[in-house]
Amino acid sequence: MQILSADEMQACDRATTARFGIPSLELMRAASAAVANFAREQFPRARRVTVLCGKGNNGGDGLMAARLLADAGLKVTTLLLGAPDLKGDAAQAWQELGSPAHKLIHVVTAPEDLARLTGALETDLIVDAVLGTGFKPPLKGLALAALEWVKASRAPILAVDLPSGWPADETSATLATPVFPADAVITFTAPKPAHVFGQLTRRWDQPIVVAPIGSPEEAIASEMGLHWAGSAVELVQAPRAAGANKGNFGHVVGGSLGTAGGKSGAPAMAALGALRAGAGLVTAAVPAPALPLVAAVAPELMTFPLAATASGQIAAANLAAEILKALTAGKTVLAIGPGLGQRPETIKFTAGLLSAAKIPAVIDADALSILAAKPVLLAKLARGGERTLVLTPHPGEMARLAGITVAEVQANRLDVARGFARRMGVTLVLKGARTLIAHPDGRVAVNTTGNPGMAKGGSGDLLTGLIAGLLTQYPAEPARAVEAAVYLHGLAADLAVREANEHTLLATDSLLQLPRAFGFRSHGPNGYLWLQGLPAEALQAAALHEAAE
């Protein structure tokens, strides 16, 4: 799914009407119906609803939704912020609101009017339809007064399109200017940058959904080169052929993974991730002293013993031609880095292995630090795009790779990731909240799954294995394979934390949820696409699917 800028969204709406003959009023009716339905589904106990409406089309959506909620038997209070001299479709929405079914209507023309409406704060739900996609900060006037007014209520807030105060094109996680709080967000047709980058809701697990309202795919066009990573998961949800065998699903080798010095868990997690992702075969190549520990994690795992130094790290002796040939023979993807270490002999072996292996590679952890110190080697490996290279840095590793500070990375994640991937000819997975997958052609996918409980050791190792496992199965579609792996990694953690706690969540908990994640459908039965949060219907369907298996 493409991500549209505010201008592109407006162009989409215009094209829908001008080229495809769908009246703008019909789009508003569809949007308001989506708001009303989502409000009732997400907040089923709400019997009293207060709807705050601006004078633009966002307010028109709110006015129509207010009428629909009242028609459904809810007690609805509607506040119009400004004189009722509305124009266009919003004027029609205002006219329709004045039906006998809806009596509690207040026109607010000054901040002091709000002070007289404290009764409207005694509600079960507030719908924020004040400002929409075309808003430019900061909040002012009646909108700012309304923000201060709603702070006195304890009711949850459903934002229509965006929480009022958020500019649609904002790519920062937070804002310094005032913004309405939100406990759920519903937007239409396609997400805007703020929906995938911003912390729009009070908690990470509260829903942000996209509702289709009738715009055809041909009208949805963007030149930003941004899309949602979750769309790629369809790649892994098609049934396997009945006559398939393990040879059809690739062979991942975890080259030079692990040490005998307490890091055997890292290669074990990566190997388990590759196995769970569906790779036909997985071989963990580890120093001989660590081999028994790694081999014990799963009987399905194959191992390859590497010569070790006295300290238990990878020895340079493994660069012998016969060892490299045996290590890479028949393998389709190399994963390297977790638990590797950075002793001189290990560095030498890593550089040699990456240069000798001509298969796609997923590079993480210590291997990234080695490449950061050898930029000429990285440039040589990526030259010409002859093979897929996937780098999976956290912000600190990204800073070392790019030669900038962590603060500079975090302040401009999108441009840093896109620029590096394009310049070096690699696929870059910049980890963190809203992980970015930047491709050599400049396209960037934004992932919206994952939670704070993942900030623990082992999570990145699991991701390395998942990427390698999907990459080896879908060599013709490496971009979608990487995006699907990142999405599933976060989704499995989101599913796991529902049965645990953000503090107690372990990477192995996520591993156990991968079967459910693979069967998960981001489109709920009502047609909404869930960018953030987990729809109850889809969770139930996943549980039933798991039980049937």
Protein backbone atom coordinates (compact mmCIF):
# COMPACT_ATOMS: atom_id res chain seq x y z
CA MET A 1 0.00 0.00 0.00
CA GLN A 2 1.37 3.38 -1.03
CA ILE A 3 1.74 6.22 1.45
CA LEU A 4 0.41 9.53 0.13
CA SER A 5 1.30 13.11 0.97
CA ALA A 6 -1.46 15.58 1.81
CA ASP A 7 -1.31 17.03 -1.72
CA GLU A 8 -1.37 13.56 -3.26
CA MET A 9 -4.39 12.61 -1.15
CA GLN A 10 -6.25 15.68 -2.37
CA ALA A 11 -5.25 14.84 -5.95
CA CYS A 12 -6.59 11.32 -5.40
CA ASP A 13 -9.94 12.68 -4.24
CA ARG A 14 -10.12 15.02 -7.23
CA ALA A 15 -9.24 12.23 -9.65
CA THR A 16 -11.84 9.96 -8.08
CA THR A 17 -14.52 12.52 -8.89
CA ALA A 18 -13.23 13.98 -12.18
CA ARG A 19 -11.89 10.81 -13.85
CA PHE A 20 -14.00 8.08 -12.31
CA GLY A 21 -17.29 9.88 -11.78
CA ILE A 22 -17.67 9.28 -8.04
CA PRO A 23 -19.17 12.44 -6.46
CA SER A 24 -17.20 13.95 -3.58
CA LEU A 25 -20.36 13.85 -1.45
CA GLU A 26 -20.46 10.09 -1.93
CA LEU A 27 -16.87 9.87 -0.66
CA MET A 28 -17.90 11.87 2.41
CA ARG A 29 -20.85 9.58 3.03
CA ALA A 30 -18.57 6.54 2.81
CA ALA A 31 -16.03 8.12 5.15
CA SER A 32 -18.65 9.07 7.73
CA ALA A 33 -20.15 5.58 7.60
CA ALA A 34 -16.70 4.13 8.23
CA VAL A 35 -16.24 6.45 11.22
CA ALA A 36 -19.61 5.56 12.71
CA ASN A 37 -19.14 1.83 12.21
CA PHE A 38 -15.61 1.87 13.58
CA ALA A 39 -16.71 3.89 16.62
CA ARG A 40 -19.37 1.33 17.46
CA GLU A 41 -17.05 -1.64 16.86
CA GLN A 42 -14.03 -0.27 18.71
CA PHE A 43 -15.98 1.31 21.58
CA PRO A 44 -19.01 -1.00 21.92
CA ARG A 45 -19.88 0.22 25.42
CA ALA A 46 -20.15 3.86 24.40
CA ARG A 47 -23.73 5.08 24.69
CA ARG A 48 -22.99 8.81 24.88
CA VAL A 49 -20.84 10.36 22.16
CA THR A 50 -19.58 13.91 21.76
CA VAL A 51 -18.50 14.89 18.23
CA LEU A 52 -16.26 17.93 17.73
CA CYS A 53 -16.45 19.26 14.17
CA GLY A 54 -14.47 21.85 12.27
CA LYS A 55 -15.82 23.74 9.25
CA GLY A 56 -13.94 21.85 6.55
CA ASN A 57 -14.43 18.45 4.98
CA ASN A 58 -13.07 16.73 8.10
CA GLY A 59 -15.82 18.42 10.04
CA GLY A 60 -18.28 17.29 7.37
CA ASP A 61 -17.21 13.70 7.99
CA GLY A 62 -17.86 14.27 11.68
CA LEU A 63 -21.27 15.85 11.13
CA MET A 64 -22.46 12.95 9.00
CA ALA A 65 -21.00 10.43 11.45
CA ALA A 66 -22.83 12.18 14.29
CA ARG A 67 -26.15 11.73 12.48
CA LEU A 68 -25.43 8.06 11.78
CA LEU A 69 -24.52 7.41 15.41
CA ALA A 70 -27.70 9.13 16.56
CA ASP A 71 -29.74 7.12 14.07
CA ALA A 72 -28.19 3.99 15.62
CA GLY A 73 -29.69 4.94 18.99
CA LEU A 74 -26.70 6.57 20.70
CA LYS A 75 -27.02 9.85 22.58
CA VAL A 76 -24.92 12.20 20.46
CA THR A 77 -23.88 15.77 21.22
CA THR A 78 -22.39 17.68 18.29
CA LEU A 79 -20.25 20.79 18.61
CA LEU A 80 -19.53 22.86 15.50
CA LEU A 81 -16.46 25.03 16.03
CA GLY A 82 -17.37 28.19 14.15
CA ALA A 83 -20.38 29.79 12.52
CA PRO A 84 -22.57 27.46 10.45
CA ASP A 85 -21.67 29.17 7.14
CA LEU A 86 -20.17 25.98 5.76
CA LYS A 87 -19.45 25.36 2.11
CA GLY A 88 -19.55 22.45 -0.29
CA ASP A 89 -20.13 18.95 1.03
CA ALA A 90 -19.71 20.11 4.64
CA ALA A 91 -22.72 22.41 4.16
CA GLN A 92 -24.79 19.45 3.01
CA ALA A 93 -23.62 17.45 6.02
CA TRP A 94 -24.71 20.30 8.33
CA GLN A 95 -28.11 20.50 6.67
CA GLU A 96 -28.68 16.76 7.07
CA LEU A 97 -27.63 16.86 10.71
CA GLY A 98 -30.60 19.04 11.60
CA SER A 99 -33.04 16.15 11.33
CA PRO A 100 -35.41 15.39 14.24
CA ALA A 101 -33.34 12.35 15.16
CA HIS A 102 -30.49 14.57 16.31
CA LYS A 103 -31.27 17.35 18.79
CA LEU A 104 -28.10 18.05 20.81
CA ILE A 105 -26.31 20.50 18.52
CA HIS A 106 -24.16 23.40 19.72
CA VAL A 107 -22.51 26.11 17.65
CA VAL A 108 -19.32 27.31 19.31
CA THR A 109 -18.14 30.71 18.11
CA ALA A 110 -15.96 31.72 21.07
CA PRO A 111 -13.84 29.87 23.68
CA GLU A 112 -16.20 30.94 26.44
CA ASP A 113 -18.97 28.95 24.72
CA LEU A 114 -17.05 25.79 25.55
CA ALA A 115 -16.98 26.67 29.23
CA ARG A 116 -20.78 26.50 29.23
CA LEU A 117 -20.77 23.01 27.69
CA THR A 118 -19.05 20.99 30.40
CA GLY A 119 -21.94 18.53 30.28
CA ALA A 120 -20.73 17.41 26.87
CA LEU A 121 -17.53 16.19 28.54
CA GLU A 122 -19.57 13.67 30.54
CA THR A 123 -19.47 11.21 27.68
CA ASP A 124 -18.27 7.72 26.77
CA LEU A 125 -16.46 8.75 23.59
CA ILE A 126 -15.20 11.93 21.94
CA VAL A 127 -14.88 12.03 18.16
CA ASP A 128 -12.25 14.51 16.98
CA ALA A 129 -13.28 15.78 13.53
CA VAL A 130 -11.84 19.26 13.93
CA LEU A 131 -8.96 19.35 11.45
CA GLY A 132 -7.87 16.92 8.73
CA THR A 133 -5.26 16.26 6.08
CA GLY A 134 -4.92 19.85 4.89
CA PHE A 135 -3.98 21.25 8.32
CA LYS A 136 -0.80 23.29 8.80
CA PRO A 137 0.39 23.80 12.40
CA PRO A 138 0.08 25.22 14.91
CA LEU A 139 -3.38 24.87 16.42
CA LYS A 140 -5.00 28.20 17.16
CA GLY A 141 -8.30 29.85 17.90
CA LEU A 142 -11.27 27.61 18.60
CA ALA A 143 -9.32 24.45 17.74
CA LEU A 144 -6.74 25.22 20.44
CA ALA A 145 -9.50 26.11 22.89
CA ALA A 146 -11.21 22.81 22.11
CA LEU A 147 -7.99 20.94 22.87
CA GLU A 148 -7.82 22.53 26.31
CA TRP A 149 -11.51 21.77 26.80
CA VAL A 150 -11.24 18.03 26.03
CA LYS A 151 -8.36 17.66 28.49
CA ALA A 152 -10.96 17.85 31.25
CA SER A 153 -12.63 14.66 30.01
CA ARG A 154 -11.57 11.11 30.77
CA ALA A 155 -13.35 9.72 27.72
CA PRO A 156 -11.36 8.01 24.94
CA ILE A 157 -10.90 9.97 21.74
CA LEU A 158 -11.40 8.69 18.20
CA ALA A 159 -9.57 10.86 15.66
CA VAL A 160 -11.04 11.24 12.19
CA ASP A 161 -8.25 11.16 9.59
CA LEU A 162 -5.62 12.53 12.03
CA PRO A 163 -5.55 13.77 15.61
CA SER A 164 -6.16 17.49 15.18
CA GLY A 165 -2.83 19.30 15.27
CA TRP A 166 -0.87 16.65 13.37
CA PRO A 167 0.26 17.70 9.88
CA ALA A 168 -0.27 14.83 7.47
CA ASP A 169 3.22 15.03 5.97
CA GLU A 170 5.10 14.98 9.29
CA THR A 171 7.69 12.20 9.56
CA SER A 172 8.77 12.87 13.15
CA ALA A 173 7.52 10.59 15.90
CA THR A 174 6.45 13.47 18.14
CA LEU A 175 5.58 17.15 17.79
CA ALA A 176 6.61 20.21 19.79
CA THR A 177 3.33 21.96 18.95
CA PRO A 178 -0.05 21.22 20.61
CA VAL A 179 -1.98 18.21 19.32
CA PHE A 180 -5.17 16.39 20.31
CA PRO A 181 -4.65 13.09 22.12
CA ALA A 182 -6.11 9.98 20.49
CA ASP A 183 -7.00 6.46 21.51
CA ALA A 184 -7.84 5.36 17.97
CA VAL A 185 -7.39 6.85 14.50
CA ILE A 186 -9.33 6.13 11.32
CA THR A 187 -8.15 7.51 8.00
CA PHE A 188 -9.32 6.91 4.46
CA THR A 189 -8.05 5.41 1.19
CA ALA A 190 -4.32 5.39 2.06
CA PRO A 191 -2.06 6.29 4.99
CA LYS A 192 -0.23 9.59 5.07
CA PRO A 193 3.33 9.93 6.45
CA ALA A 194 2.07 10.89 9.91
CA HIS A 195 0.11 7.63 10.19
CA VAL A 196 3.21 5.47 9.83
CA PHE A 197 5.84 7.68 11.46
CA GLY A 198 3.99 9.54 14.21
CA GLN A 199 3.09 8.40 17.70
CA LEU A 200 -0.52 9.37 17.10
CA THR A 201 -2.15 7.39 19.90
CA ARG A 202 -1.55 7.41 23.64
CA ARG A 203 -0.33 3.79 23.54
CA TRP A 204 1.51 1.80 20.90
CA ASP A 205 -1.20 -0.90 20.77
CA GLN A 206 -4.15 1.41 20.07
CA PRO A 207 -5.60 1.14 16.57
CA ILE A 208 -4.75 3.15 13.48
CA VAL A 209 -6.84 1.93 10.56
CA VAL A 210 -7.33 2.79 6.91
CA ALA A 211 -10.87 2.55 5.54
CA PRO A 212 -11.58 2.24 1.81
CA ILE A 213 -14.21 4.75 0.71
CA GLY A 214 -14.47 4.11 -3.03
CA SER A 215 -11.39 5.60 -4.69
CA PRO A 216 -10.15 3.18 -7.37
CA GLU A 217 -6.55 2.00 -7.30
CA GLU A 218 -5.82 3.97 -10.46
CA ALA A 219 -6.49 7.21 -8.59
CA ILE A 220 -4.08 6.39 -5.77
CA ALA A 221 -0.68 7.59 -6.96
CA SER A 222 2.41 8.84 -5.16
CA GLU A 223 5.91 9.97 -6.08
CA MET A 224 7.29 9.82 -2.53
CA GLY A 225 8.56 6.27 -2.90
CA LEU A 226 7.05 5.28 0.45
CA HIS A 227 4.87 2.26 1.12
CA TRP A 228 3.64 0.12 4.01
CA ALA A 229 5.74 -2.96 4.77
CA GLY A 230 2.76 -5.06 5.81
CA SER A 231 1.56 -5.39 2.24
CA ALA A 232 4.45 -7.77 1.55
CA VAL A 233 3.18 -10.42 3.97
CA GLU A 234 0.86 -11.72 1.24
CA LEU A 235 4.01 -13.22 -0.27
CA VAL A 236 4.25 -15.83 2.50
CA GLN A 237 0.56 -16.58 2.91
CA ALA A 238 0.01 -18.51 -0.31
CA PRO A 239 -0.20 -22.29 0.24
CA ARG A 240 2.85 -24.34 -0.64
CA ALA A 241 2.66 -26.74 -3.54
CA ALA A 242 1.52 -30.21 -2.52
CA GLY A 243 4.57 -31.84 -4.09
CA ALA A 244 7.14 -29.51 -2.51
CA ASN A 245 10.25 -30.78 -0.74
CA LYS A 246 12.92 -29.18 1.42
CA GLY A 247 15.05 -28.49 -1.63
CA ASN A 248 12.44 -26.03 -2.85
CA PHE A 249 12.88 -23.73 0.13
CA GLY A 250 16.56 -22.93 0.21
CA HIS A 251 19.46 -23.55 2.56
CA VAL A 252 20.56 -20.85 4.98
CA VAL A 253 24.06 -20.95 6.39
CA GLY A 254 24.87 -18.91 9.47
CA GLY A 255 28.46 -18.27 8.53
CA SER A 256 30.88 -17.66 11.44
CA LEU A 257 28.12 -17.34 14.00
CA GLY A 258 28.82 -17.58 17.69
CA THR A 259 31.68 -17.92 20.13
CA ALA A 260 32.45 -20.08 23.10
CA GLY A 261 32.55 -16.97 25.25
CA GLY A 262 28.92 -16.66 26.25
CA LYS A 263 27.29 -15.60 22.98
CA SER A 264 26.02 -18.95 21.73
CA GLY A 265 22.45 -17.73 22.19
CA ALA A 266 22.82 -15.25 19.31
CA PRO A 267 23.46 -17.81 16.56
CA ALA A 268 20.88 -20.10 18.11
CA MET A 269 18.20 -17.39 17.90
CA ALA A 270 19.13 -16.56 14.31
CA ALA A 271 19.04 -20.23 13.34
CA LEU A 272 15.65 -20.74 14.97
CA GLY A 273 14.33 -17.68 13.15
CA ALA A 274 15.43 -19.08 9.80
CA LEU A 275 13.87 -22.46 10.59
CA ARG A 276 10.59 -20.93 11.71
CA ALA A 277 10.52 -18.71 8.62
CA GLY A 278 10.30 -21.87 6.53
CA ALA A 279 13.79 -22.38 5.15
CA GLY A 280 14.22 -25.92 3.87
CA LEU A 281 17.58 -26.36 5.60
CA VAL A 282 19.55 -24.29 8.09
CA THR A 283 23.20 -24.80 8.99
CA ALA A 284 24.80 -22.96 11.90
CA ALA A 285 28.53 -22.55 11.33
CA VAL A 286 30.07 -21.91 14.74
CA PRO A 287 33.40 -22.36 16.53
CA ALA A 288 33.79 -25.99 17.44
CA PRO A 289 33.74 -25.33 21.24
CA ALA A 290 30.32 -23.65 20.92
CA LEU A 291 28.82 -26.24 18.60
CA PRO A 292 27.19 -28.47 21.27
CA LEU A 293 25.38 -25.48 22.80
CA VAL A 294 24.01 -24.27 19.48
CA ALA A 295 23.14 -27.75 18.22
CA ALA A 296 21.04 -28.37 21.32
CA VAL A 297 18.48 -25.66 20.50
CA ALA A 298 16.66 -27.73 17.86
CA PRO A 299 17.15 -31.22 16.44
CA GLU A 300 16.27 -29.88 12.97
CA LEU A 301 19.31 -27.60 12.96
CA MET A 302 22.43 -28.67 11.04
CA THR A 303 25.86 -27.53 12.19
CA PHE A 304 29.28 -26.86 10.71
CA PRO A 305 32.26 -26.74 13.12
CA LEU A 306 34.75 -23.94 12.57
CA ALA A 307 38.29 -23.81 13.91
CA ALA A 308 38.51 -21.57 16.97
CA THR A 309 41.17 -19.39 18.50
CA ALA A 310 42.31 -19.95 22.09
CA SER A 311 39.63 -17.49 23.21
CA GLY A 312 36.90 -19.44 21.39
CA GLN A 313 36.45 -17.02 18.49
CA ILE A 314 36.51 -17.74 14.76
CA ALA A 315 40.04 -18.46 13.56
CA ALA A 316 41.49 -17.16 10.32
CA ALA A 317 42.44 -20.76 9.46
CA ASN A 318 38.84 -21.20 8.30
CA LEU A 319 39.72 -19.20 5.19
CA ALA A 320 41.35 -22.30 3.72
CA ALA A 321 39.85 -22.92 0.29
CA GLU A 322 38.53 -26.38 1.15
CA ILE A 323 36.75 -25.07 4.27
CA LEU A 324 35.12 -22.14 2.44
CA LYS A 325 34.02 -24.47 -0.34
CA ALA A 326 32.45 -26.92 2.09
CA LEU A 327 30.84 -24.12 4.08
CA THR A 328 29.13 -22.48 1.10
CA ALA A 329 28.41 -25.50 -1.12
CA GLY A 330 24.69 -25.83 -1.81
CA LYS A 331 23.80 -22.84 0.36
CA THR A 332 21.48 -20.14 -0.96
CA VAL A 333 21.71 -17.38 1.68
CA LEU A 334 24.41 -16.39 4.17
CA ALA A 335 23.53 -14.81 7.53
CA ILE A 336 26.46 -13.37 9.43
CA GLY A 337 27.08 -11.30 12.53
CA PRO A 338 25.13 -12.40 15.64
CA GLY A 339 27.60 -13.35 18.40
CA LEU A 340 30.51 -13.03 16.01
CA GLY A 341 32.97 -10.98 18.02
CA GLN A 342 35.61 -8.62 16.65
CA ARG A 343 38.97 -10.19 17.39
CA PRO A 344 41.59 -9.73 14.62
CA GLU A 345 41.35 -13.28 13.29
CA THR A 346 37.56 -13.10 13.28
CA ILE A 347 37.64 -9.82 11.37
CA LYS A 348 39.96 -11.37 8.81
CA PHE A 349 37.71 -14.40 8.39
CA THR A 350 34.55 -12.28 8.09
CA ALA A 351 36.05 -10.14 5.35
CA GLY A 352 37.26 -13.23 3.53
CA LEU A 353 33.97 -15.08 3.79
CA LEU A 354 31.91 -12.13 2.59
CA SER A 355 34.23 -11.68 -0.37
CA ALA A 356 34.30 -15.38 -1.26
CA ALA A 357 30.59 -16.16 -0.88
CA LYS A 358 28.64 -15.11 -3.96
CA ILE A 359 25.21 -15.77 -2.49
CA PRO A 360 22.82 -13.21 -0.98
CA ALA A 361 23.84 -12.19 2.54
CA VAL A 362 22.12 -10.82 5.62
CA ILE A 363 24.66 -8.84 7.65
CA ASP A 364 24.04 -7.88 11.27
CA ALA A 365 25.66 -7.04 14.61
CA ASP A 366 29.44 -7.51 14.79
CA ALA A 367 29.67 -8.01 11.03
CA LEU A 368 28.22 -4.52 10.55
CA SER A 369 30.85 -3.05 12.85
CA ILE A 370 33.53 -4.83 10.84
CA LEU A 371 32.17 -3.36 7.60
CA ALA A 372 31.90 0.09 9.17
CA ALA A 373 35.65 -0.05 9.78
CA LYS A 374 36.21 -1.31 6.21
CA PRO A 375 34.12 0.95 3.95
CA VAL A 376 36.13 -0.07 0.90
CA LEU A 377 35.15 -3.70 1.50
CA LEU A 378 31.47 -2.77 1.78
CA ALA A 379 31.64 -0.81 -1.46
CA LYS A 380 33.32 -3.75 -3.16
CA LEU A 381 30.73 -6.23 -1.91
CA ALA A 382 27.81 -4.11 -3.07
CA ARG A 383 29.33 -3.05 -6.38
CA GLY A 384 27.03 -3.50 -9.35
CA GLY A 385 24.20 -5.08 -7.38
CA GLU A 386 25.36 -8.53 -8.40
CA ARG A 387 23.85 -10.10 -5.28
CA THR A 388 21.39 -9.06 -2.62
CA LEU A 389 23.01 -7.62 0.49
CA VAL A 390 20.76 -6.89 3.45
CA LEU A 391 22.22 -4.79 6.27
CA THR A 392 20.23 -4.66 9.53
CA PRO A 393 21.73 -1.92 11.73
CA HIS A 394 20.31 -0.39 14.90
CA PRO A 395 20.85 3.40 15.14
CA GLY A 396 24.31 3.05 16.70
CA GLU A 397 25.49 0.70 13.96
CA MET A 398 23.91 2.94 11.33
CA ALA A 399 25.85 5.90 12.69
CA ARG A 400 29.12 3.99 12.36
CA LEU A 401 28.29 2.83 8.85
CA ALA A 402 27.34 6.32 7.68
CA GLY A 403 30.05 8.17 9.59
CA ILE A 404 27.59 10.39 11.49
CA THR A 405 26.24 10.60 15.03
CA VAL A 406 23.38 8.60 16.47
CA ALA A 407 21.51 11.86 17.03
CA GLU A 408 21.83 12.66 13.32
CA VAL A 409 20.51 9.22 12.41
CA GLN A 410 17.51 9.51 14.69
CA ALA A 411 16.72 13.07 13.61
CA ASN A 412 16.53 12.07 9.94
CA ARG A 413 15.96 8.34 9.77
CA LEU A 414 14.17 8.32 6.43
CA ASP A 415 16.76 10.30 4.47
CA VAL A 416 19.69 8.53 6.15
CA ALA A 417 18.32 5.07 5.34
CA ARG A 418 17.24 5.95 1.80
CA GLY A 419 20.48 7.75 0.99
CA PHE A 420 22.71 4.94 2.27
CA ALA A 421 20.78 2.19 0.51
CA ARG A 422 20.81 4.08 -2.76
CA ARG A 423 24.46 5.09 -2.52
CA MET A 424 25.76 1.65 -1.54
CA GLY A 425 23.36 -0.47 -3.58
CA VAL A 426 22.13 -2.48 -0.57
CA THR A 427 18.86 -3.21 1.18
CA LEU A 428 19.02 -1.43 4.53
CA VAL A 429 16.84 -2.38 7.51
CA LEU A 430 17.15 0.53 9.94
CA LYS A 431 15.80 -0.93 13.18
CA GLY A 432 13.89 0.92 15.87
CA ALA A 433 10.36 2.18 16.40
CA ARG A 434 8.92 2.20 12.86
CA THR A 435 11.71 0.14 11.29
CA LEU A 436 12.53 1.29 7.75
CA ILE A 437 13.39 -1.02 4.86
CA ALA A 438 15.24 1.04 2.25
CA HIS A 439 15.97 -0.46 -1.16
CA PRO A 440 18.71 0.35 -3.68
CA ASP A 441 16.20 1.99 -6.06
CA GLY A 442 15.18 4.55 -3.43
CA ARG A 443 11.90 2.98 -2.38
CA VAL A 444 11.33 2.76 1.37
CA ALA A 445 8.88 0.56 3.26
CA VAL A 446 7.76 1.58 6.73
CA ASN A 447 6.92 -1.11 9.26
CA THR A 448 4.23 -0.40 11.85
CA THR A 449 4.34 -3.58 13.94
CA GLY A 450 6.43 -4.08 17.07
CA ASN A 451 6.41 -2.80 20.63
CA PRO A 452 8.75 -1.56 23.41
CA GLY A 453 9.05 -5.06 24.86
CA MET A 454 11.29 -5.96 21.92
CA ALA A 455 14.09 -3.78 23.26
CA LYS A 456 15.97 -6.80 24.60
CA GLY A 457 18.82 -9.06 23.61
CA GLY A 458 17.93 -11.71 21.05
CA SER A 459 15.32 -9.69 19.17
CA GLY A 460 17.74 -8.57 16.46
CA ASP A 461 19.19 -12.08 16.13
CA LEU A 462 15.72 -13.47 15.54
CA LEU A 463 15.11 -10.84 12.85
CA THR A 464 18.35 -11.78 11.09
CA GLY A 465 17.19 -15.39 10.89
CA LEU A 466 13.70 -14.46 9.70
CA ILE A 467 15.08 -12.30 6.90
CA ALA A 468 17.50 -15.02 5.81
CA GLY A 469 14.78 -17.67 6.00
CA LEU A 470 12.36 -15.75 3.77
CA LEU A 471 15.09 -14.51 1.44
CA THR A 472 16.15 -18.07 0.70
CA GLN A 473 12.57 -19.06 -0.16
CA TYR A 474 11.76 -16.08 -2.36
CA PRO A 475 15.00 -15.24 -4.20
CA ALA A 476 13.11 -13.63 -7.08
CA GLU A 477 11.38 -11.15 -4.75
CA PRO A 478 14.05 -10.08 -2.25
CA ALA A 479 12.49 -6.70 -1.45
CA ARG A 480 9.12 -8.19 -0.46
CA ALA A 481 10.80 -11.04 1.40
CA VAL A 482 12.74 -8.63 3.61
CA GLU A 483 9.68 -6.43 4.20
CA ALA A 484 7.55 -9.44 5.12
CA ALA A 485 10.19 -10.66 7.58
CA VAL A 486 10.35 -7.29 9.34
CA TYR A 487 6.55 -7.06 9.53
CA LEU A 488 6.16 -10.61 10.86
CA HIS A 489 8.93 -10.08 13.41
CA GLY A 490 7.05 -7.15 14.95
CA LEU A 491 3.66 -8.78 14.61
CA ALA A 492 4.79 -11.92 16.45
CA ALA A 493 6.00 -9.70 19.30
CA ASP A 494 2.68 -7.84 19.33
CA LEU A 495 0.83 -11.12 19.58
CA ALA A 496 3.19 -12.38 22.28
CA VAL A 497 2.88 -9.31 24.48
CA ARG A 498 -0.88 -9.81 24.70
CA GLU A 499 -0.12 -12.97 26.67
CA ALA A 500 2.83 -11.56 28.61
CA ASN A 501 3.95 -8.04 29.46
CA GLU A 502 6.19 -5.43 27.87
CA HIS A 503 8.66 -5.89 30.73
CA THR A 504 8.70 -9.69 30.67
CA LEU A 505 8.57 -10.28 26.91
CA LEU A 506 11.45 -12.36 25.55
CA ALA A 507 12.50 -12.92 21.97
CA THR A 508 11.68 -16.59 22.39
CA ASP A 509 8.11 -15.60 23.29
CA SER A 510 7.85 -13.95 19.87
CA LEU A 511 9.30 -17.03 18.25
CA LEU A 512 6.41 -19.09 19.61
CA GLN A 513 3.90 -16.67 18.06
CA LEU A 514 5.27 -16.87 14.52
CA PRO A 515 2.72 -19.52 13.44
CA ARG A 516 -0.10 -17.13 14.35
CA ALA A 517 1.68 -14.21 12.73
CA PHE A 518 1.99 -16.06 9.43
CA GLY A 519 -1.76 -16.67 9.40
CA PHE A 520 -2.72 -13.15 10.46
CA ARG A 521 -4.80 -10.95 8.17
CA SER A 522 -4.25 -7.20 8.51
CA HIS A 523 -7.56 -6.55 6.74
CA GLY A 524 -10.37 -7.10 9.20
CA PRO A 525 -13.73 -8.51 8.09
CA ASN A 526 -15.05 -4.94 7.87
CA GLY A 527 -12.48 -4.04 5.20
CA TYR A 528 -10.35 -1.80 7.39
CA LEU A 529 -6.59 -2.14 7.06
CA TRP A 530 -4.95 -2.16 10.49
CA LEU A 531 -1.68 -0.23 10.42
CA GLN A 532 -1.38 -0.42 14.18
CA GLY A 533 -3.19 -2.50 16.77
CA LEU A 534 -4.76 -5.95 16.44
CA PRO A 535 -8.39 -6.42 15.36
CA ALA A 536 -10.29 -8.81 17.59
CA GLU A 537 -11.83 -10.60 14.61
CA ALA A 538 -8.45 -11.31 13.05
CA LEU A 539 -7.06 -12.51 16.37
CA GLN A 540 -9.96 -14.91 16.75
CA ALA A 541 -9.51 -16.14 13.19
CA ALA A 542 -5.79 -16.71 13.80
CA ALA A 543 -6.56 -18.65 16.99
CA LEU A 544 -9.12 -20.82 15.19
CA HIS A 545 -6.66 -21.43 12.34
CA GLU A 546 -4.00 -22.46 14.85
CA ALA A 547 -6.41 -24.77 16.66
CA ALA A 548 -7.43 -26.41 13.39
CA GLU A 549 -3.81 -27.14 12.57
